[in-house]
């Protein structure tokens, strides 16, 4: 089985799709990181008007989490916090501290895992700057509207503020 090649051009299409979706929905400006299957940054874009200096790190952490955990950043959070179990929350904290090596992991929505048609991980999109649901929504919509042969994790959104449905 041949590995799908996730290229710089494809990553740029996805990042540009995020920008278009943010503007279309009038969400707050965001930073986008698109990474390959090894969590290497292919494209990072910062929209005009992003207000917080740490947002690029957040968007990268969301993408990195997807690659490291083979889950969306929302699923990563849900896996360790939905039961309200203190030991699971402590485990999550330790994983972020150790595996995240200096804050490279994030347990909030906005990181979307990208897989090819053979269900192999090819990369991830991390978005930060709007609400978590909005960050995740624009990453998903970008992948879905790109025309690229990609599957996403998650495969549906939970954004109630989107107005381009």
C-alpha atoms as a PDB file:
ATOM      1  CA  UNK A   1       0.000   0.000   0.000  1.00  0.00           C
ATOM      2  CA  UNK A   2       1.446   3.358  -1.028  1.00  0.00           C
ATOM      3  CA  UNK A   3       1.487   6.137   1.518  1.00  0.00           C
ATOM      4  CA  UNK A   4      -0.529   9.208   0.567  1.00  0.00           C
ATOM      5  CA  UNK A   5       1.763  12.196   0.085  1.00  0.00           C
ATOM      6  CA  UNK A   6       0.540  15.224   2.016  1.00  0.00           C
ATOM      7  CA  UNK A   7       2.204  18.184   0.310  1.00  0.00           C
ATOM      8  CA  UNK A   8       2.937  21.811   1.102  1.00  0.00           C
ATOM      9  CA  UNK A   9       0.441  22.826  -1.573  1.00  0.00           C
ATOM     10  CA  UNK A  10      -2.288  20.738   0.074  1.00  0.00           C
ATOM     11  CA  UNK A  11      -1.475  22.211   3.475  1.00  0.00           C
ATOM     12  CA  UNK A  12      -1.702  25.695   1.981  1.00  0.00           C
ATOM     13  CA  UNK A  13      -5.116  24.896   0.471  1.00  0.00           C
ATOM     14  CA  UNK A  14      -6.314  23.831   3.927  1.00  0.00           C
ATOM     15  CA  UNK A  15      -4.911  26.906   5.691  1.00  0.00           C
ATOM     16  CA  UNK A  16      -6.469  29.200   3.091  1.00  0.00           C
ATOM     17  CA  UNK A  17      -9.771  27.354   3.499  1.00  0.00           C
ATOM     18  CA  UNK A  18      -9.690  28.044   7.231  1.00  0.00           C
ATOM     19  CA  UNK A  19      -9.160  31.771   6.600  1.00  0.00           C
ATOM     20  CA  UNK A  20     -12.080  31.872   4.149  1.00  0.00           C
ATOM     21  CA  UNK A  21     -14.375  30.050   6.567  1.00  0.00           C
ATOM     22  CA  UNK A  22     -13.429  32.344   9.461  1.00  0.00           C
ATOM     23  CA  UNK A  23     -14.221  35.405   7.340  1.00  0.00           C
ATOM     24  CA  UNK A  24     -17.446  33.905   5.975  1.00  0.00           C
ATOM     25  CA  UNK A  25     -18.695  33.249   9.517  1.00  0.00           C
ATOM     26  CA  UNK A  26     -17.301  36.485  10.987  1.00  0.00           C
ATOM     27  CA  UNK A  27     -15.401  34.592  13.690  1.00  0.00           C
ATOM     28  CA  UNK A  28     -12.470  36.146  15.548  1.00  0.00           C
ATOM     29  CA  UNK A  29      -9.152  36.014  13.654  1.00  0.00           C
ATOM     30  CA  UNK A  30      -7.160  32.817  14.118  1.00  0.00           C
ATOM     31  CA  UNK A  31      -3.762  31.243  13.708  1.00  0.00           C
ATOM     32  CA  UNK A  32      -3.607  28.041  11.679  1.00  0.00           C
ATOM     33  CA  UNK A  33      -0.950  25.334  11.823  1.00  0.00           C
ATOM     34  CA  UNK A  34      -1.072  22.498   9.309  1.00  0.00           C
ATOM     35  CA  UNK A  35       1.347  19.673  10.128  1.00  0.00           C
ATOM     36  CA  UNK A  36       2.372  16.420   8.462  1.00  0.00           C
ATOM     37  CA  UNK A  37       2.147  12.912   9.965  1.00  0.00           C
ATOM     38  CA  UNK A  38       5.295  13.605  12.026  1.00  0.00           C
ATOM     39  CA  UNK A  39       3.915  16.907  13.404  1.00  0.00           C
ATOM     40  CA  UNK A  40       6.298  18.975  11.279  1.00  0.00           C
ATOM     41  CA  UNK A  41       4.785  22.346  10.402  1.00  0.00           C
ATOM     42  CA  UNK A  42       4.033  22.637   6.698  1.00  0.00           C
ATOM     43  CA  UNK A  43       2.088  25.900   6.903  1.00  0.00           C
ATOM     44  CA  UNK A  44       1.445  28.428   9.651  1.00  0.00           C
ATOM     45  CA  UNK A  45      -0.755  31.440   8.989  1.00  0.00           C
ATOM     46  CA  UNK A  46      -1.782  34.220  11.324  1.00  0.00           C
ATOM     47  CA  UNK A  47      -4.786  36.303  10.359  1.00  0.00           C
ATOM     48  CA  UNK A  48      -4.614  40.054  10.784  1.00  0.00           C
ATOM     49  CA  UNK A  49      -6.073  41.086  14.118  1.00  0.00           C
ATOM     50  CA  UNK A  50      -5.098  38.096  16.270  1.00  0.00           C
ATOM     51  CA  UNK A  51      -4.730  39.610  19.691  1.00  0.00           C
ATOM     52  CA  UNK A  52      -2.898  37.108  21.888  1.00  0.00           C
ATOM     53  CA  UNK A  53       0.795  36.385  21.447  1.00  0.00           C
ATOM     54  CA  UNK A  54       0.409  32.745  22.561  1.00  0.00           C
ATOM     55  CA  UNK A  55      -2.130  31.768  19.921  1.00  0.00           C
ATOM     56  CA  UNK A  56       0.462  30.290  17.485  1.00  0.00           C
ATOM     57  CA  UNK A  57       1.618  27.940  20.234  1.00  0.00           C
ATOM     58  CA  UNK A  58      -1.971  26.930  21.006  1.00  0.00           C
ATOM     59  CA  UNK A  59      -2.756  26.152  17.376  1.00  0.00           C
ATOM     60  CA  UNK A  60       0.429  24.089  17.037  1.00  0.00           C
ATOM     61  CA  UNK A  61      -0.320  22.260  20.307  1.00  0.00           C
ATOM     62  CA  UNK A  62      -3.758  21.304  19.004  1.00  0.00           C
ATOM     63  CA  UNK A  63      -2.275  19.892  15.778  1.00  0.00           C
ATOM     64  CA  UNK A  64       0.553  18.150  17.659  1.00  0.00           C
ATOM     65  CA  UNK A  65      -1.934  16.515  20.026  1.00  0.00           C
ATOM     66  CA  UNK A  66      -3.799  15.011  17.078  1.00  0.00           C
ATOM     67  CA  UNK A  67      -0.618  13.402  15.756  1.00  0.00           C
ATOM     68  CA  UNK A  68       0.692  12.277  19.151  1.00  0.00           C
ATOM     69  CA  UNK A  69      -2.603  10.785  20.333  1.00  0.00           C
ATOM     70  CA  UNK A  70      -4.186   9.769  16.999  1.00  0.00           C
ATOM     71  CA  UNK A  71      -7.295  11.698  18.101  1.00  0.00           C
ATOM     72  CA  UNK A  72      -8.764  15.137  17.643  1.00  0.00           C
ATOM     73  CA  UNK A  73      -7.847  17.521  20.448  1.00  0.00           C
ATOM     74  CA  UNK A  74     -11.522  17.487  21.537  1.00  0.00           C
ATOM     75  CA  UNK A  75     -11.521  13.667  21.720  1.00  0.00           C
ATOM     76  CA  UNK A  76      -8.279  13.788  23.705  1.00  0.00           C
ATOM     77  CA  UNK A  77      -9.927  16.093  26.237  1.00  0.00           C
ATOM     78  CA  UNK A  78     -13.115  14.050  26.383  1.00  0.00           C
ATOM     79  CA  UNK A  79     -11.230  10.794  26.874  1.00  0.00           C
ATOM     80  CA  UNK A  80      -9.725  12.074  30.122  1.00  0.00           C
ATOM     81  CA  UNK A  81     -12.310  14.500  31.521  1.00  0.00           C
ATOM     82  CA  UNK A  82     -15.849  13.269  30.810  1.00  0.00           C
ATOM     83  CA  UNK A  83     -16.007  10.921  33.789  1.00  0.00           C
ATOM     84  CA  UNK A  84     -14.998  13.689  36.227  1.00  0.00           C
ATOM     85  CA  UNK A  85     -12.496  11.189  37.617  1.00  0.00           C
ATOM     86  CA  UNK A  86      -9.626  12.947  39.448  1.00  0.00           C
ATOM     87  CA  UNK A  87      -7.131  10.194  38.563  1.00  0.00           C
ATOM     88  CA  UNK A  88      -7.928  10.553  34.842  1.00  0.00           C
ATOM     89  CA  UNK A  89      -7.555  14.319  35.095  1.00  0.00           C
ATOM     90  CA  UNK A  90      -4.175  13.810  36.809  1.00  0.00           C
ATOM     91  CA  UNK A  91      -3.206  11.386  34.035  1.00  0.00           C
ATOM     92  CA  UNK A  92      -4.159  13.996  31.433  1.00  0.00           C
ATOM     93  CA  UNK A  93      -2.067  16.589  33.244  1.00  0.00           C
ATOM     94  CA  UNK A  94       0.938  14.262  33.326  1.00  0.00           C
ATOM     95  CA  UNK A  95       0.586  13.389  29.649  1.00  0.00           C
ATOM     96  CA  UNK A  96       0.524  17.046  28.687  1.00  0.00           C
ATOM     97  CA  UNK A  97       3.544  17.750  30.883  1.00  0.00           C
ATOM     98  CA  UNK A  98       5.662  14.746  29.835  1.00  0.00           C
ATOM     99  CA  UNK A  99       4.535  13.776  26.331  1.00  0.00           C
ATOM    100  CA  UNK A 100       3.818  17.355  25.449  1.00  0.00           C
ATOM    101  CA  UNK A 101       7.386  18.313  26.195  1.00  0.00           C
ATOM    102  CA  UNK A 102       7.001  21.940  27.146  1.00  0.00           C
ATOM    103  CA  UNK A 103       3.377  22.557  26.347  1.00  0.00           C
ATOM    104  CA  UNK A 104       3.086  20.911  22.942  1.00  0.00           C
ATOM    105  CA  UNK A 105      -0.225  19.236  23.765  1.00  0.00           C
ATOM    106  CA  UNK A 106      -3.665  20.762  24.161  1.00  0.00           C
ATOM    107  CA  UNK A 107      -6.882  19.368  25.583  1.00  0.00           C
ATOM    108  CA  UNK A 108      -9.406  21.692  23.969  1.00  0.00           C
ATOM    109  CA  UNK A 109     -11.180  21.740  20.579  1.00  0.00           C
ATOM    110  CA  UNK A 110      -9.522  23.085  17.450  1.00  0.00           C
ATOM    111  CA  UNK A 111      -7.224  20.214  16.487  1.00  0.00           C
ATOM    112  CA  UNK A 112      -8.475  18.023  13.635  1.00  0.00           C
ATOM    113  CA  UNK A 113      -6.773  14.788  12.606  1.00  0.00           C
ATOM    114  CA  UNK A 114      -6.426  14.171   8.859  1.00  0.00           C
ATOM    115  CA  UNK A 115      -6.413  10.665   7.380  1.00  0.00           C
ATOM    116  CA  UNK A 116      -6.168   9.361   3.839  1.00  0.00           C
ATOM    117  CA  UNK A 117      -8.641   6.997   2.179  1.00  0.00           C
ATOM    118  CA  UNK A 118      -6.769   4.021   3.720  1.00  0.00           C
ATOM    119  CA  UNK A 119      -7.348   5.539   7.186  1.00  0.00           C
ATOM    120  CA  UNK A 120      -3.651   6.347   7.659  1.00  0.00           C
ATOM    121  CA  UNK A 121      -2.773   9.580   9.446  1.00  0.00           C
ATOM    122  CA  UNK A 122      -1.345  12.116   6.995  1.00  0.00           C
ATOM    123  CA  UNK A 123      -1.425  15.252   9.131  1.00  0.00           C
ATOM    124  CA  UNK A 124      -3.500  17.584  11.266  1.00  0.00           C
ATOM    125  CA  UNK A 125      -4.872  21.104  11.367  1.00  0.00           C
ATOM    126  CA  UNK A 126      -4.655  23.173  14.539  1.00  0.00           C
ATOM    127  CA  UNK A 127      -6.643  26.398  14.802  1.00  0.00           C
ATOM    128  CA  UNK A 128      -6.748  28.864  17.678  1.00  0.00           C
ATOM    129  CA  UNK A 129      -8.124  32.354  18.222  1.00  0.00           C
ATOM    130  CA  UNK A 130     -11.904  31.968  18.159  1.00  0.00           C
ATOM    131  CA  UNK A 131     -13.921  29.752  20.515  1.00  0.00           C
ATOM    132  CA  UNK A 132     -12.887  26.087  20.609  1.00  0.00           C
ATOM    133  CA  UNK A 133     -16.024  24.994  18.749  1.00  0.00           C
ATOM    134  CA  UNK A 134     -15.404  27.655  16.096  1.00  0.00           C
ATOM    135  CA  UNK A 135     -11.722  26.706  15.789  1.00  0.00           C
ATOM    136  CA  UNK A 136     -12.686  23.074  15.228  1.00  0.00           C
ATOM    137  CA  UNK A 137     -15.500  24.013  12.838  1.00  0.00           C
ATOM    138  CA  UNK A 138     -13.306  26.028  10.477  1.00  0.00           C
ATOM    139  CA  UNK A 139     -10.655  23.287  10.419  1.00  0.00           C
ATOM    140  CA  UNK A 140     -13.288  20.669   9.580  1.00  0.00           C
ATOM    141  CA  UNK A 141     -15.008  22.806   6.944  1.00  0.00           C
ATOM    142  CA  UNK A 142     -11.681  23.562   5.305  1.00  0.00           C
ATOM    143  CA  UNK A 143     -10.873  19.865   4.970  1.00  0.00           C
ATOM    144  CA  UNK A 144     -14.373  18.967   3.788  1.00  0.00           C
ATOM    145  CA  UNK A 145     -14.518  21.775   1.215  1.00  0.00           C
ATOM    146  CA  UNK A 146     -10.937  21.357  -0.033  1.00  0.00           C
ATOM    147  CA  UNK A 147     -11.642  18.644  -2.572  1.00  0.00           C
ATOM    148  CA  UNK A 148      -8.681  16.708  -1.154  1.00  0.00           C
ATOM    149  CA  UNK A 149      -9.104  12.967  -0.490  1.00  0.00           C
ATOM    150  CA  UNK A 150      -9.090  13.347   3.296  1.00  0.00           C
ATOM    151  CA  UNK A 151     -11.104  11.964   6.185  1.00  0.00           C
ATOM    152  CA  UNK A 152     -11.329  13.927   9.420  1.00  0.00           C
ATOM    153  CA  UNK A 153     -11.480  13.086  13.100  1.00  0.00           C
ATOM    154  CA  UNK A 154     -13.943  14.245  14.266  1.00  0.00           C
ATOM    155  CA  UNK A 155     -16.233  13.639  11.300  1.00  0.00           C
ATOM    156  CA  UNK A 156     -18.913  16.087  12.443  1.00  0.00           C
ATOM    157  CA  UNK A 157     -18.958  19.475  14.147  1.00  0.00           C
ATOM    158  CA  UNK A 158     -20.692  20.806  17.228  1.00  0.00           C
ATOM    159  CA  UNK A 159     -20.504  24.525  16.458  1.00  0.00           C
ATOM    160  CA  UNK A 160     -23.744  26.379  17.139  1.00  0.00           C
ATOM    161  CA  UNK A 161     -22.457  29.805  16.042  1.00  0.00           C
ATOM    162  CA  UNK A 162     -21.634  28.953  12.412  1.00  0.00           C
ATOM    163  CA  UNK A 163     -23.862  30.726   9.927  1.00  0.00           C
ATOM    164  CA  UNK A 164     -22.721  29.218   6.627  1.00  0.00           C
ATOM    165  CA  UNK A 165     -24.491  25.867   6.933  1.00  0.00           C
END
